[in-house]
Amino acid sequence: MNGQQRSTIKPGLQVAIVLKQDQATGKTTTGIVKDILTKSPNHPHGIKVRLVSGEVGRVKQILGPANA
């Protein structure tokens, strides 16, 4: 599932994000969503989130619940 719809992303989900410094390469970082930073209901490049680790990036893929 892609991360362009804000309604599909909830704190506690495991997601793959692209960090700002990795946008050129498309390298993804996996983590658990702590906060949703994008206010609009959708975004063409992915909803911006903050992970529990403190990293901020745009969601490229929703991997599932954190305990999966």
C-alpha atoms as a PDB file:
ATOM      1  CA  MET A   1       0.000   0.000   0.000  1.00  0.00           C
ATOM      2  CA  ASN A   2       1.404   3.427  -0.846  1.00  0.00           C
ATOM      3  CA  GLY A   3       1.623   6.346   1.563  1.00  0.00           C
ATOM      4  CA  GLN A   4      -0.164   9.082  -0.373  1.00  0.00           C
ATOM      5  CA  GLN A   5      -3.428   9.054   1.634  1.00  0.00           C
ATOM      6  CA  ARG A   6      -3.272  10.507   5.157  1.00  0.00           C
ATOM      7  CA  SER A   7      -6.287   8.432   6.240  1.00  0.00           C
ATOM      8  CA  THR A   8      -4.368   5.165   5.742  1.00  0.00           C
ATOM      9  CA  ILE A   9      -1.469   6.164   8.026  1.00  0.00           C
ATOM     10  CA  LYS A  10      -1.766   5.884  11.807  1.00  0.00           C
ATOM     11  CA  PRO A  11       0.777   6.155  14.627  1.00  0.00           C
ATOM     12  CA  GLY A  12       2.168   2.705  15.408  1.00  0.00           C
ATOM     13  CA  LEU A  13       2.244   1.458  11.795  1.00  0.00           C
ATOM     14  CA  GLN A  14       5.467   0.124  10.343  1.00  0.00           C
ATOM     15  CA  VAL A  15       6.348   2.066   7.198  1.00  0.00           C
ATOM     16  CA  ALA A  16       9.133   2.580   4.679  1.00  0.00           C
ATOM     17  CA  ILE A  17      10.026   6.267   4.264  1.00  0.00           C
ATOM     18  CA  VAL A  18      12.426   8.235   2.094  1.00  0.00           C
ATOM     19  CA  LEU A  19      14.488  10.730   4.098  1.00  0.00           C
ATOM     20  CA  LYS A  20      15.171  14.189   2.626  1.00  0.00           C
ATOM     21  CA  GLN A  21      18.849  13.372   2.027  1.00  0.00           C
ATOM     22  CA  ASP A  22      17.879  10.107   0.283  1.00  0.00           C
ATOM     23  CA  GLN A  23      15.370  11.589  -2.184  1.00  0.00           C
ATOM     24  CA  ALA A  24      17.875  11.534  -5.056  1.00  0.00           C
ATOM     25  CA  THR A  25      18.622   7.823  -4.609  1.00  0.00           C
ATOM     26  CA  GLY A  26      15.178   6.701  -3.397  1.00  0.00           C
ATOM     27  CA  LYS A  27      16.749   4.722  -0.516  1.00  0.00           C
ATOM     28  CA  THR A  28      14.113   3.830   2.059  1.00  0.00           C
ATOM     29  CA  THR A  29      14.302   3.671   5.849  1.00  0.00           C
ATOM     30  CA  THR A  30      11.962   1.414   7.828  1.00  0.00           C
ATOM     31  CA  GLY A  31      10.433   2.415  11.138  1.00  0.00           C
ATOM     32  CA  ILE A  32       7.359   2.941  13.285  1.00  0.00           C
ATOM     33  CA  VAL A  33       5.214   6.081  12.823  1.00  0.00           C
ATOM     34  CA  LYS A  34       5.200   8.393  15.845  1.00  0.00           C
ATOM     35  CA  ASP A  35       3.642  11.566  14.367  1.00  0.00           C
ATOM     36  CA  ILE A  36       1.920  12.481  11.097  1.00  0.00           C
ATOM     37  CA  LEU A  37       3.295  15.834   9.919  1.00  0.00           C
ATOM     38  CA  THR A  38       1.343  16.415   6.670  1.00  0.00           C
ATOM     39  CA  LYS A  39      -1.966  18.174   7.329  1.00  0.00           C
ATOM     40  CA  SER A  40      -3.561  17.707   3.887  1.00  0.00           C
ATOM     41  CA  PRO A  41      -5.623  14.537   3.213  1.00  0.00           C
ATOM     42  CA  ASN A  42      -3.232  13.389   0.470  1.00  0.00           C
ATOM     43  CA  HIS A  43       0.155  14.251  -1.025  1.00  0.00           C
ATOM     44  CA  PRO A  44       1.567  13.071  -4.372  1.00  0.00           C
ATOM     45  CA  HIS A  45       5.053  12.404  -2.937  1.00  0.00           C
ATOM     46  CA  GLY A  46       3.837  10.658   0.215  1.00  0.00           C
ATOM     47  CA  ILE A  47       2.617  11.778   3.619  1.00  0.00           C
ATOM     48  CA  LYS A  48       5.399  13.219   5.784  1.00  0.00           C
ATOM     49  CA  VAL A  49       5.832  11.443   9.132  1.00  0.00           C
ATOM     50  CA  ARG A  50       8.178  11.362  12.111  1.00  0.00           C
ATOM     51  CA  LEU A  51       9.320   7.906  13.167  1.00  0.00           C
ATOM     52  CA  VAL A  52       9.803   6.758  16.769  1.00  0.00           C
ATOM     53  CA  SER A  53      13.555   7.028  16.043  1.00  0.00           C
ATOM     54  CA  GLY A  54      13.117  10.763  15.310  1.00  0.00           C
ATOM     55  CA  GLU A  55      13.746  10.475  11.560  1.00  0.00           C
ATOM     56  CA  VAL A  56      11.431  12.485   9.281  1.00  0.00           C
ATOM     57  CA  GLY A  57      10.497  11.512   5.738  1.00  0.00           C
ATOM     58  CA  ARG A  58       7.731  10.768   3.272  1.00  0.00           C
ATOM     59  CA  VAL A  59       5.935   7.422   3.378  1.00  0.00           C
ATOM     60  CA  LYS A  60       6.598   5.300   0.293  1.00  0.00           C
ATOM     61  CA  GLN A  61       5.082   2.047   1.554  1.00  0.00           C
ATOM     62  CA  ILE A  62       2.941   0.912   4.472  1.00  0.00           C
ATOM     63  CA  LEU A  63       4.359  -2.366   5.739  1.00  0.00           C
ATOM     64  CA  GLY A  64       1.727  -3.158   8.388  1.00  0.00           C
ATOM     65  CA  PRO A  65       1.255  -3.121  12.160  1.00  0.00           C
ATOM     66  CA  ALA A  66       4.374  -2.551  14.272  1.00  0.00           C
ATOM     67  CA  ASN A  67       4.200  -6.044  15.795  1.00  0.00           C
ATOM     68  CA  ALA A  68       4.108  -7.796  12.406  1.00  0.00           C
END
